[in-house]
Amino acid sequence: MDVLLHSKYSSQSLKLISQLQTYSPFILENLTLVCIDNKEIRQQILEDEKIKIKYLPCLIRMNEETSNYDIFEGDNAFQFFINLQKKIELKNDELNDELKEQELKREKLEKMELERQIEILKSKKQDSTPEVKTPEKSKQVTFTPIEDLDLEQDGIGTYLHIEKDEQKEQQKETKKSGSIMSKAMQMQKERV
């Protein structure tokens, strides 16, 4: 237990308490404030043989290692609280740095997981999307107009090869039998 002895008639006591209220309220909350303006309390403190106090403000602190009291009077009390505040700020900075580092690690893990999920979705999409074949460049085909055909030389052929003699015979038959369409239909029947 830490005890801060003070007096409302001591300007330094009021200054220390004001500074603690402003800059270190959490430290002030953990102190037991004892005002020595009461004659009886002041008399008890002055008569105590373990604790010899000469100046205010005065911090009395139990040393946990030695079980003795550590006494910080006047400027030493101010310096004690300044050092304590620095230690707390340093510890807070370390904790903040650690928290920031943990936050960065968490964000990095979340980003990696998100990227992994995106890759999974992409691979599923590729697997489910039918493969679209790009059309090959078609060969340029030129068609010969019918009037340019030299019918005397080879005649009009279909995908069935016709010998020249047979061709002449078919031409005669075509002239006899009628239209070229009827002849094509007759040829188709013969193939089957």
N, C-alpha and C. Protein backbone atom coordinates (compact mmCIF):
# COMPACT_ATOMS: atom_id res chain seq x y z
N MET A 1 0.84 -1.17 0.00
CA MET A 1 0.00 0.00 0.00
C MET A 1 0.89 1.24 0.00
N ASP A 2 0.56 2.17 -0.90
CA ASP A 2 1.30 3.43 -1.01
C ASP A 2 0.46 4.54 -0.38
N VAL A 3 1.13 5.34 0.47
CA VAL A 3 0.44 6.42 1.17
C VAL A 3 1.12 7.73 0.79
N LEU A 4 0.32 8.71 0.40
CA LEU A 4 0.84 10.04 0.09
C LEU A 4 0.37 11.01 1.17
N LEU A 5 1.33 11.50 1.93
CA LEU A 5 1.01 12.48 2.96
C LEU A 5 1.07 13.86 2.32
N HIS A 6 0.04 14.68 2.62
CA HIS A 6 -0.01 16.01 2.02
C HIS A 6 -0.73 16.97 2.97
N SER A 7 -0.67 18.24 2.63
CA SER A 7 -1.37 19.27 3.40
C SER A 7 -1.93 20.29 2.42
N LYS A 8 -3.10 20.78 2.74
CA LYS A 8 -3.68 21.81 1.87
C LYS A 8 -2.97 23.14 2.06
N TYR A 9 -2.09 23.21 3.04
CA TYR A 9 -1.30 24.42 3.28
C TYR A 9 0.09 24.32 2.64
N SER A 10 0.38 23.17 2.02
CA SER A 10 1.67 22.98 1.36
C SER A 10 1.48 23.16 -0.14
N SER A 11 2.10 24.20 -0.70
CA SER A 11 1.94 24.45 -2.14
C SER A 11 2.51 23.30 -2.98
N GLN A 12 3.60 22.67 -2.52
CA GLN A 12 4.20 21.56 -3.25
C GLN A 12 3.29 20.32 -3.22
N SER A 13 2.61 20.10 -2.10
CA SER A 13 1.66 18.98 -2.00
C SER A 13 0.52 19.17 -2.99
N LEU A 14 -0.02 20.40 -3.04
CA LEU A 14 -1.12 20.70 -3.96
C LEU A 14 -0.67 20.56 -5.42
N LYS A 15 0.57 21.00 -5.69
CA LYS A 15 1.12 20.90 -7.04
C LYS A 15 1.25 19.43 -7.47
N LEU A 16 1.77 18.59 -6.58
CA LEU A 16 1.94 17.16 -6.91
C LEU A 16 0.59 16.49 -7.16
N ILE A 17 -0.37 16.73 -6.30
CA ILE A 17 -1.70 16.12 -6.47
C ILE A 17 -2.34 16.61 -7.77
N SER A 18 -2.18 17.89 -8.07
CA SER A 18 -2.73 18.43 -9.32
C SER A 18 -2.09 17.76 -10.54
N GLN A 19 -0.78 17.59 -10.50
CA GLN A 19 -0.09 16.93 -11.61
C GLN A 19 -0.55 15.48 -11.77
N LEU A 20 -0.71 14.80 -10.65
CA LEU A 20 -1.17 13.40 -10.71
C LEU A 20 -2.60 13.32 -11.27
N GLN A 21 -3.45 14.25 -10.87
CA GLN A 21 -4.82 14.26 -11.38
C GLN A 21 -4.83 14.49 -12.90
N THR A 22 -3.95 15.36 -13.36
CA THR A 22 -3.92 15.73 -14.77
C THR A 22 -3.25 14.67 -15.64
N TYR A 23 -2.08 14.21 -15.22
CA TYR A 23 -1.28 13.36 -16.09
C TYR A 23 -1.31 11.88 -15.73
N SER A 24 -1.61 11.57 -14.50
CA SER A 24 -1.56 10.17 -14.08
C SER A 24 -2.71 9.81 -13.15
N PRO A 25 -3.94 9.96 -13.61
CA PRO A 25 -5.06 9.67 -12.71
C PRO A 25 -5.09 8.21 -12.24
N PHE A 26 -4.58 7.31 -13.08
CA PHE A 26 -4.55 5.89 -12.69
C PHE A 26 -3.57 5.65 -11.54
N ILE A 27 -2.50 6.46 -11.44
CA ILE A 27 -1.57 6.34 -10.32
C ILE A 27 -2.24 6.87 -9.06
N LEU A 28 -2.90 8.00 -9.20
CA LEU A 28 -3.57 8.63 -8.06
C LEU A 28 -4.64 7.71 -7.48
N GLU A 29 -5.32 6.96 -8.33
CA GLU A 29 -6.37 6.05 -7.87
C GLU A 29 -5.81 4.95 -6.97
N ASN A 30 -4.54 4.61 -7.15
CA ASN A 30 -3.93 3.52 -6.38
C ASN A 30 -3.19 4.03 -5.13
N LEU A 31 -3.31 5.29 -4.85
CA LEU A 31 -2.67 5.87 -3.67
C LEU A 31 -3.71 6.10 -2.56
N THR A 32 -3.22 6.00 -1.33
CA THR A 32 -4.05 6.40 -0.20
C THR A 32 -3.57 7.79 0.20
N LEU A 33 -4.45 8.77 0.04
CA LEU A 33 -4.09 10.15 0.38
C LEU A 33 -4.43 10.42 1.84
N VAL A 34 -3.44 10.92 2.58
CA VAL A 34 -3.65 11.24 3.99
C VAL A 34 -3.26 12.71 4.20
N CYS A 35 -4.25 13.50 4.58
CA CYS A 35 -4.01 14.92 4.86
C CYS A 35 -3.58 15.04 6.33
N ILE A 36 -2.44 15.70 6.54
CA ILE A 36 -1.92 15.81 7.91
C ILE A 36 -2.31 17.14 8.57
N ASP A 37 -3.33 17.77 8.03
CA ASP A 37 -3.77 19.04 8.61
C ASP A 37 -4.48 18.82 9.96
N ASN A 38 -4.96 17.63 10.18
CA ASN A 38 -5.58 17.29 11.45
C ASN A 38 -4.46 17.12 12.50
N LYS A 39 -4.61 17.76 13.67
CA LYS A 39 -3.57 17.75 14.71
C LYS A 39 -3.27 16.33 15.19
N GLU A 40 -4.29 15.53 15.38
CA GLU A 40 -4.08 14.17 15.89
C GLU A 40 -3.29 13.32 14.90
N ILE A 41 -3.65 13.39 13.64
CA ILE A 41 -2.94 12.61 12.61
C ILE A 41 -1.49 13.10 12.50
N ARG A 42 -1.31 14.40 12.49
CA ARG A 42 0.04 14.96 12.40
C ARG A 42 0.87 14.51 13.59
N GLN A 43 0.28 14.49 14.79
CA GLN A 43 0.99 14.08 16.00
C GLN A 43 1.40 12.61 15.90
N GLN A 44 0.52 11.77 15.41
CA GLN A 44 0.84 10.33 15.28
C GLN A 44 2.01 10.13 14.32
N ILE A 45 2.01 10.84 13.22
CA ILE A 45 3.07 10.70 12.22
C ILE A 45 4.40 11.19 12.79
N LEU A 46 4.38 12.29 13.51
CA LEU A 46 5.61 12.83 14.06
C LEU A 46 6.18 11.94 15.17
N GLU A 47 5.33 11.24 15.88
CA GLU A 47 5.78 10.38 16.98
C GLU A 47 6.16 8.98 16.50
N ASP A 48 5.79 8.61 15.30
CA ASP A 48 6.11 7.26 14.79
C ASP A 48 7.62 7.12 14.63
N GLU A 49 8.19 6.07 15.25
CA GLU A 49 9.63 5.89 15.24
C GLU A 49 10.12 5.21 13.96
N LYS A 50 9.29 4.45 13.30
CA LYS A 50 9.69 3.78 12.06
C LYS A 50 9.76 4.78 10.91
N ILE A 51 8.84 5.71 10.92
CA ILE A 51 8.73 6.65 9.82
C ILE A 51 9.11 8.04 10.33
N LYS A 52 10.20 8.54 9.83
CA LYS A 52 10.66 9.88 10.21
C LYS A 52 10.46 10.80 9.02
N ILE A 53 9.49 11.72 9.09
CA ILE A 53 9.14 12.59 7.98
C ILE A 53 9.52 14.02 8.32
N LYS A 54 10.14 14.69 7.32
CA LYS A 54 10.53 16.08 7.52
C LYS A 54 9.84 17.02 6.53
N TYR A 55 9.55 16.55 5.30
CA TYR A 55 9.03 17.43 4.24
C TYR A 55 7.77 16.83 3.59
N LEU A 56 6.94 17.74 3.08
CA LEU A 56 5.75 17.34 2.32
C LEU A 56 5.94 17.80 0.88
N PRO A 57 5.39 17.17 -0.04
CA PRO A 57 4.63 15.91 0.02
C PRO A 57 5.58 14.76 0.33
N CYS A 58 4.97 13.69 0.85
CA CYS A 58 5.78 12.54 1.24
C CYS A 58 5.05 11.25 0.82
N LEU A 59 5.76 10.44 0.09
CA LEU A 59 5.23 9.14 -0.32
C LEU A 59 5.86 8.07 0.56
N ILE A 60 5.01 7.29 1.18
CA ILE A 60 5.48 6.18 2.01
C ILE A 60 5.06 4.90 1.28
N ARG A 61 6.06 4.08 1.03
CA ARG A 61 5.81 2.89 0.21
C ARG A 61 6.43 1.68 0.89
N MET A 62 5.66 0.60 0.94
CA MET A 62 6.17 -0.64 1.52
C MET A 62 7.06 -1.32 0.49
N ASN A 63 8.31 -1.57 0.85
CA ASN A 63 9.24 -2.28 -0.03
C ASN A 63 8.96 -3.77 0.12
N GLU A 64 8.50 -4.40 -0.93
CA GLU A 64 8.09 -5.81 -0.87
C GLU A 64 9.27 -6.74 -0.67
N GLU A 65 10.46 -6.33 -1.09
CA GLU A 65 11.63 -7.19 -0.94
C GLU A 65 12.17 -7.18 0.49
N THR A 66 12.20 -6.00 1.09
CA THR A 66 12.79 -5.87 2.43
C THR A 66 11.75 -5.76 3.54
N SER A 67 10.51 -5.59 3.18
CA SER A 67 9.41 -5.36 4.13
C SER A 67 9.62 -4.10 4.96
N ASN A 68 10.47 -3.21 4.52
CA ASN A 68 10.67 -1.91 5.15
C ASN A 68 9.90 -0.86 4.36
N TYR A 69 9.83 0.33 4.93
CA TYR A 69 9.16 1.42 4.25
C TYR A 69 10.19 2.26 3.50
N ASP A 70 9.85 2.57 2.24
CA ASP A 70 10.66 3.51 1.47
C ASP A 70 9.95 4.85 1.56
N ILE A 71 10.70 5.91 1.86
CA ILE A 71 10.12 7.23 2.05
C ILE A 71 10.71 8.18 1.01
N PHE A 72 9.80 8.84 0.28
CA PHE A 72 10.19 9.81 -0.75
C PHE A 72 9.58 11.16 -0.36
N GLU A 73 10.44 12.10 0.05
CA GLU A 73 9.96 13.41 0.54
C GLU A 73 10.31 14.51 -0.45
N GLY A 74 9.45 15.53 -0.51
CA GLY A 74 9.72 16.73 -1.31
C GLY A 74 10.00 16.42 -2.77
N ASP A 75 11.18 16.86 -3.26
CA ASP A 75 11.54 16.64 -4.66
C ASP A 75 11.64 15.16 -5.01
N ASN A 76 12.05 14.35 -4.03
CA ASN A 76 12.15 12.90 -4.28
C ASN A 76 10.77 12.30 -4.59
N ALA A 77 9.73 12.83 -3.96
CA ALA A 77 8.38 12.36 -4.25
C ALA A 77 8.00 12.71 -5.70
N PHE A 78 8.30 13.95 -6.09
CA PHE A 78 8.04 14.34 -7.48
C PHE A 78 8.80 13.44 -8.46
N GLN A 79 10.10 13.22 -8.16
CA GLN A 79 10.94 12.41 -9.05
C GLN A 79 10.43 10.97 -9.12
N PHE A 80 9.97 10.43 -7.97
CA PHE A 80 9.44 9.07 -7.96
C PHE A 80 8.27 8.95 -8.94
N PHE A 81 7.34 9.90 -8.89
CA PHE A 81 6.17 9.82 -9.76
C PHE A 81 6.52 10.08 -11.23
N ILE A 82 7.52 10.93 -11.47
CA ILE A 82 7.97 11.14 -12.86
C ILE A 82 8.55 9.84 -13.42
N ASN A 83 9.40 9.19 -12.62
CA ASN A 83 9.99 7.91 -13.07
C ASN A 83 8.93 6.82 -13.24
N LEU A 84 7.98 6.80 -12.33
CA LEU A 84 6.90 5.82 -12.42
C LEU A 84 6.08 6.05 -13.70
N GLN A 85 5.79 7.32 -13.98
CA GLN A 85 5.03 7.66 -15.19
C GLN A 85 5.81 7.23 -16.44
N LYS A 86 7.13 7.46 -16.46
CA LYS A 86 7.95 7.05 -17.61
C LYS A 86 7.93 5.54 -17.80
N LYS A 87 8.02 4.80 -16.70
CA LYS A 87 7.98 3.33 -16.78
C LYS A 87 6.64 2.86 -17.34
N ILE A 88 5.57 3.49 -16.87
CA ILE A 88 4.23 3.11 -17.35
C ILE A 88 4.09 3.42 -18.83
N GLU A 89 4.57 4.60 -19.24
CA GLU A 89 4.49 4.97 -20.67
C GLU A 89 5.32 4.03 -21.53
N LEU A 90 6.52 3.68 -21.03
CA LEU A 90 7.37 2.74 -21.76
C LEU A 90 6.69 1.39 -21.91
N LYS A 91 6.11 0.94 -20.81
CA LYS A 91 5.39 -0.35 -20.84
C LYS A 91 4.21 -0.27 -21.80
N ASN A 92 3.48 0.85 -21.76
CA ASN A 92 2.36 1.03 -22.68
C ASN A 92 2.82 1.05 -24.13
N ASP A 93 3.96 1.73 -24.37
CA ASP A 93 4.51 1.77 -25.73
C ASP A 93 4.87 0.36 -26.20
N GLU A 94 5.50 -0.40 -25.30
CA GLU A 94 5.86 -1.79 -25.64
C GLU A 94 4.60 -2.60 -25.94
N LEU A 95 3.59 -2.43 -25.11
CA LEU A 95 2.34 -3.14 -25.34
C LEU A 95 1.68 -2.71 -26.65
N ASN A 96 1.71 -1.38 -26.90
CA ASN A 96 1.15 -0.88 -28.16
C ASN A 96 1.91 -1.43 -29.35
N ASP A 97 3.24 -1.46 -29.25
CA ASP A 97 4.04 -2.02 -30.33
C ASP A 97 3.72 -3.49 -30.55
N GLU A 98 3.57 -4.20 -29.44
CA GLU A 98 3.23 -5.63 -29.53
C GLU A 98 1.85 -5.80 -30.15
N LEU A 99 0.91 -4.97 -29.73
CA LEU A 99 -0.44 -5.04 -30.30
C LEU A 99 -0.43 -4.71 -31.79
N LYS A 100 0.36 -3.69 -32.17
CA LYS A 100 0.46 -3.33 -33.59
C LYS A 100 1.06 -4.48 -34.38
N GLU A 101 2.09 -5.10 -33.81
CA GLU A 101 2.73 -6.23 -34.49
C GLU A 101 1.75 -7.39 -34.65
N GLN A 102 1.00 -7.67 -33.59
CA GLN A 102 -0.01 -8.73 -33.68
C GLN A 102 -1.08 -8.38 -34.70
N GLU A 103 -1.48 -7.11 -34.75
CA GLU A 103 -2.48 -6.66 -35.71
C GLU A 103 -1.96 -6.82 -37.14
N LEU A 104 -0.69 -6.46 -37.36
CA LEU A 104 -0.09 -6.62 -38.68
C LEU A 104 -0.03 -8.09 -39.08
N LYS A 105 0.34 -8.95 -38.13
CA LYS A 105 0.38 -10.39 -38.41
C LYS A 105 -1.01 -10.90 -38.75
N ARG A 106 -2.00 -10.45 -37.97
CA ARG A 106 -3.38 -10.89 -38.21
C ARG A 106 -3.84 -10.43 -39.59
N GLU A 107 -3.55 -9.17 -39.94
CA GLU A 107 -3.93 -8.64 -41.26
C GLU A 107 -3.24 -9.42 -42.37
N LYS A 108 -1.98 -9.76 -42.16
CA LYS A 108 -1.22 -10.51 -43.16
C LYS A 108 -1.83 -11.90 -43.34
N LEU A 109 -2.18 -12.54 -42.23
CA LEU A 109 -2.81 -13.87 -42.30
C LEU A 109 -4.17 -13.78 -42.99
N GLU A 110 -4.94 -12.74 -42.67
CA GLU A 110 -6.24 -12.57 -43.31
C GLU A 110 -6.08 -12.35 -44.81
N LYS A 111 -5.08 -11.57 -45.20
CA LYS A 111 -4.82 -11.31 -46.61
C LYS A 111 -4.41 -12.60 -47.33
N MET A 112 -3.54 -13.39 -46.67
CA MET A 112 -3.12 -14.66 -47.27
C MET A 112 -4.31 -15.60 -47.43
N GLU A 113 -5.17 -15.64 -46.42
CA GLU A 113 -6.35 -16.50 -46.48
C GLU A 113 -7.29 -16.05 -47.59
N LEU A 114 -7.46 -14.74 -47.71
CA LEU A 114 -8.32 -14.19 -48.76
C LEU A 114 -7.77 -14.55 -50.14
N GLU A 115 -6.47 -14.38 -50.30
CA GLU A 115 -5.84 -14.73 -51.58
C GLU A 115 -6.01 -16.22 -51.88
N ARG A 116 -5.87 -17.05 -50.84
CA ARG A 116 -6.06 -18.50 -51.01
C ARG A 116 -7.49 -18.81 -51.45
N GLN A 117 -8.46 -18.15 -50.81
CA GLN A 117 -9.86 -18.36 -51.16
C GLN A 117 -10.14 -17.93 -52.61
N ILE A 118 -9.52 -16.81 -53.00
CA ILE A 118 -9.69 -16.33 -54.37
C ILE A 118 -9.13 -17.34 -55.37
N GLU A 119 -7.96 -17.89 -55.06
CA GLU A 119 -7.35 -18.90 -55.93
C GLU A 119 -8.23 -20.14 -56.04
N ILE A 120 -8.81 -20.55 -54.91
CA ILE A 120 -9.71 -21.72 -54.92
C ILE A 120 -10.91 -21.43 -55.81
N LEU A 121 -11.50 -20.24 -55.65
CA LEU A 121 -12.66 -19.87 -56.47
C LEU A 121 -12.29 -19.80 -57.95
N LYS A 122 -11.12 -19.26 -58.25
CA LYS A 122 -10.68 -19.19 -59.65
C LYS A 122 -10.52 -20.58 -60.22
N SER A 123 -9.90 -21.48 -59.46
CA SER A 123 -9.69 -22.83 -59.98
C SER A 123 -11.02 -23.56 -60.15
N LYS A 124 -11.97 -23.34 -59.24
CA LYS A 124 -13.29 -23.96 -59.39
C LYS A 124 -14.00 -23.41 -60.62
N LYS A 125 -13.87 -22.10 -60.83
CA LYS A 125 -14.51 -21.48 -61.99
C LYS A 125 -13.92 -22.02 -63.28
N GLN A 126 -12.60 -22.17 -63.30
CA GLN A 126 -11.95 -22.70 -64.50
C GLN A 126 -12.37 -24.14 -64.75
N ASP A 127 -12.50 -24.92 -63.66
CA ASP A 127 -12.92 -26.31 -63.81
C ASP A 127 -14.35 -26.42 -64.30
N SER A 128 -15.23 -25.51 -63.86
CA SER A 128 -16.63 -25.60 -64.23
C SER A 128 -16.96 -24.90 -65.54
N THR A 129 -16.11 -24.04 -66.00
CA THR A 129 -16.35 -23.32 -67.24
C THR A 129 -15.97 -24.22 -68.40
N PRO A 130 -16.92 -24.46 -69.34
CA PRO A 130 -16.57 -25.29 -70.48
C PRO A 130 -15.47 -24.61 -71.29
N GLU A 131 -14.64 -25.47 -71.80
CA GLU A 131 -13.53 -24.93 -72.56
C GLU A 131 -14.03 -24.36 -73.87
N VAL A 132 -13.71 -23.14 -74.10
CA VAL A 132 -14.13 -22.48 -75.32
C VAL A 132 -12.96 -22.51 -76.27
N LYS A 133 -13.19 -23.15 -77.39
CA LYS A 133 -12.12 -23.24 -78.36
C LYS A 133 -12.17 -22.02 -79.25
N THR A 134 -11.04 -21.48 -79.45
CA THR A 134 -11.00 -20.35 -80.35
C THR A 134 -11.01 -20.88 -81.77
N PRO A 135 -11.81 -20.29 -82.60
CA PRO A 135 -11.91 -20.81 -83.97
C PRO A 135 -10.57 -20.65 -84.69
N GLU A 136 -10.25 -21.71 -85.38
CA GLU A 136 -9.01 -21.65 -86.15
C GLU A 136 -9.27 -20.77 -87.36
N LYS A 137 -8.20 -20.19 -87.82
CA LYS A 137 -8.36 -19.37 -89.00
C LYS A 137 -8.75 -20.28 -90.16
N SER A 138 -9.85 -19.93 -90.74
CA SER A 138 -10.30 -20.77 -91.86
C SER A 138 -9.48 -20.43 -93.10
N LYS A 139 -9.29 -21.47 -93.89
CA LYS A 139 -8.54 -21.28 -95.12
C LYS A 139 -9.42 -20.51 -96.09
N GLN A 140 -8.79 -19.64 -96.78
CA GLN A 140 -9.53 -18.83 -97.75
C GLN A 140 -9.89 -19.75 -98.92
N VAL A 141 -11.16 -19.90 -99.13
CA VAL A 141 -11.63 -20.76 -100.22
C VAL A 141 -12.20 -19.85 -101.29
N THR A 142 -11.79 -20.12 -102.45
CA THR A 142 -12.37 -19.36 -103.57
C THR A 142 -13.27 -20.29 -104.35
N PHE A 143 -14.39 -19.78 -104.67
CA PHE A 143 -15.36 -20.57 -105.41
C PHE A 143 -15.33 -20.14 -106.87
N THR A 144 -15.50 -21.12 -107.71
CA THR A 144 -15.48 -20.86 -109.15
C THR A 144 -16.91 -20.68 -109.61
N PRO A 145 -17.18 -19.58 -110.25
CA PRO A 145 -18.53 -19.41 -110.80
C PRO A 145 -18.81 -20.48 -111.87
N ILE A 146 -20.06 -20.89 -111.95
CA ILE A 146 -20.44 -21.97 -112.87
C ILE A 146 -20.09 -21.61 -114.31
N GLU A 147 -20.31 -20.38 -114.70
CA GLU A 147 -20.05 -20.02 -116.09
C GLU A 147 -18.59 -20.11 -116.46
N ASP A 148 -17.68 -20.09 -115.41
CA ASP A 148 -16.26 -20.19 -115.69
C ASP A 148 -15.79 -21.64 -115.82
N LEU A 149 -16.64 -22.55 -115.51
CA LEU A 149 -16.24 -23.95 -115.58
C LEU A 149 -16.06 -24.40 -117.02
N ASP A 150 -15.04 -25.18 -117.24
CA ASP A 150 -14.81 -25.76 -118.56
C ASP A 150 -15.45 -27.13 -118.54
N LEU A 151 -16.73 -27.20 -118.88
CA LEU A 151 -17.47 -28.44 -118.78
C LEU A 151 -17.02 -29.46 -119.80
N GLU A 152 -16.47 -29.04 -120.84
CA GLU A 152 -16.03 -29.95 -121.87
C GLU A 152 -14.82 -30.74 -121.40
N GLN A 153 -14.04 -30.12 -120.54
CA GLN A 153 -12.81 -30.77 -120.13
C GLN A 153 -13.08 -31.85 -119.09
N ASP A 154 -13.65 -31.51 -117.94
CA ASP A 154 -13.83 -32.49 -116.87
C ASP A 154 -15.30 -32.74 -116.56
N GLY A 155 -16.14 -31.84 -116.88
CA GLY A 155 -17.55 -31.96 -116.53
C GLY A 155 -17.74 -31.54 -115.08
N ILE A 156 -19.01 -31.49 -114.65
CA ILE A 156 -19.30 -31.14 -113.27
C ILE A 156 -19.25 -32.42 -112.47
N GLY A 157 -18.40 -32.44 -111.48
CA GLY A 157 -18.28 -33.63 -110.64
C GLY A 157 -18.85 -33.36 -109.26
N THR A 158 -19.32 -34.41 -108.62
CA THR A 158 -19.74 -34.29 -107.23
C THR A 158 -18.62 -34.89 -106.41
N TYR A 159 -18.92 -35.25 -105.22
CA TYR A 159 -17.86 -35.82 -104.39
C TYR A 159 -17.59 -37.26 -104.80
N LEU A 160 -18.29 -37.76 -105.83
CA LEU A 160 -18.07 -39.09 -106.36
C LEU A 160 -17.29 -38.94 -107.66
N HIS A 161 -16.23 -39.71 -107.79
CA HIS A 161 -15.40 -39.61 -108.98
C HIS A 161 -16.08 -40.35 -110.13
N ILE A 162 -16.18 -39.65 -111.23
CA ILE A 162 -16.83 -40.25 -112.41
C ILE A 162 -15.82 -40.24 -113.53
N GLU A 163 -15.65 -41.37 -114.15
CA GLU A 163 -14.72 -41.49 -115.28
C GLU A 163 -15.30 -40.71 -116.46
N LYS A 164 -14.42 -40.34 -117.40
CA LYS A 164 -14.84 -39.51 -118.53
C LYS A 164 -15.90 -40.20 -119.38
N ASP A 165 -15.72 -41.45 -119.62
CA ASP A 165 -16.70 -42.16 -120.45
C ASP A 165 -18.05 -42.18 -119.76
N GLU A 166 -18.03 -42.48 -118.49
CA GLU A 166 -19.28 -42.51 -117.72
C GLU A 166 -19.90 -41.13 -117.68
N GLN A 167 -19.05 -40.13 -117.63
CA GLN A 167 -19.52 -38.76 -117.53
C GLN A 167 -20.28 -38.37 -118.79
N LYS A 168 -19.75 -38.73 -119.92
CA LYS A 168 -20.42 -38.40 -121.17
C LYS A 168 -21.75 -39.11 -121.25
N GLU A 169 -21.76 -40.33 -120.78
CA GLU A 169 -22.99 -41.08 -120.79
C GLU A 169 -24.03 -40.45 -119.88
N GLN A 170 -23.58 -40.00 -118.71
CA GLN A 170 -24.49 -39.37 -117.76
C GLN A 170 -25.02 -38.05 -118.30
N GLN A 171 -24.19 -37.35 -119.05
CA GLN A 171 -24.64 -36.08 -119.62
C GLN A 171 -25.74 -36.34 -120.64
N LYS A 172 -25.54 -37.40 -121.36
CA LYS A 172 -26.59 -37.75 -122.35
C LYS A 172 -27.85 -38.12 -121.63
N GLU A 173 -27.71 -38.92 -120.58
CA GLU A 173 -28.88 -39.36 -119.83
C GLU A 173 -29.56 -38.18 -119.16
N THR A 174 -28.77 -37.21 -118.65
CA THR A 174 -29.33 -36.04 -117.98
C THR A 174 -30.16 -35.26 -118.97
N LYS A 175 -29.65 -35.13 -120.20
CA LYS A 175 -30.41 -34.42 -121.20
C LYS A 175 -31.70 -35.14 -121.49
N LYS A 176 -31.63 -36.48 -121.46
CA LYS A 176 -32.83 -37.27 -121.74
C LYS A 176 -33.78 -37.25 -120.56
N SER A 177 -33.24 -37.41 -119.33
CA SER A 177 -34.11 -37.61 -118.17
C SER A 177 -34.68 -36.34 -117.58
N GLY A 178 -34.19 -35.20 -117.91
CA GLY A 178 -34.79 -33.98 -117.38
C GLY A 178 -33.80 -33.14 -116.62
N SER A 179 -34.22 -32.62 -115.49
CA SER A 179 -33.44 -31.64 -114.74
C SER A 179 -32.23 -32.25 -114.05
N ILE A 180 -31.33 -31.35 -113.72
CA ILE A 180 -30.11 -31.78 -113.03
C ILE A 180 -30.45 -32.23 -111.62
N MET A 181 -31.51 -31.65 -111.06
CA MET A 181 -31.91 -32.02 -109.70
C MET A 181 -32.42 -33.44 -109.66
N SER A 182 -33.17 -33.82 -110.64
CA SER A 182 -33.66 -35.19 -110.65
C SER A 182 -32.52 -36.16 -110.84
N LYS A 183 -31.53 -35.77 -111.63
CA LYS A 183 -30.36 -36.62 -111.85
C LYS A 183 -29.58 -36.78 -110.55
N ALA A 184 -29.42 -35.67 -109.77
CA ALA A 184 -28.70 -35.73 -108.50
C ALA A 184 -29.41 -36.63 -107.52
N MET A 185 -30.73 -36.58 -107.52
CA MET A 185 -31.49 -37.44 -106.62
C MET A 185 -31.34 -38.90 -107.02
N GLN A 186 -31.31 -39.17 -108.32
CA GLN A 186 -31.14 -40.53 -108.82
C GLN A 186 -29.76 -41.05 -108.43
N MET A 187 -28.74 -40.20 -108.53
CA MET A 187 -27.38 -40.61 -108.18
C MET A 187 -27.28 -40.92 -106.69
N GLN A 188 -28.00 -40.14 -105.91
CA GLN A 188 -27.96 -40.35 -104.46
C GLN A 188 -28.56 -41.68 -104.12
N LYS A 189 -29.65 -42.06 -104.79
CA LYS A 189 -30.30 -43.35 -104.55
C LYS A 189 -29.38 -44.49 -104.93
N GLU A 190 -28.65 -44.33 -106.00
CA GLU A 190 -27.77 -45.38 -106.48
C GLU A 190 -26.62 -45.62 -105.50
N ARG A 191 -26.16 -44.56 -104.85
CA ARG A 191 -25.06 -44.69 -103.89
C ARG A 191 -25.45 -45.47 -102.66
N VAL A 192 -26.68 -45.37 -102.25
CA VAL A 192 -27.13 -46.00 -101.02
C VAL A 192 -27.40 -47.43 -101.21
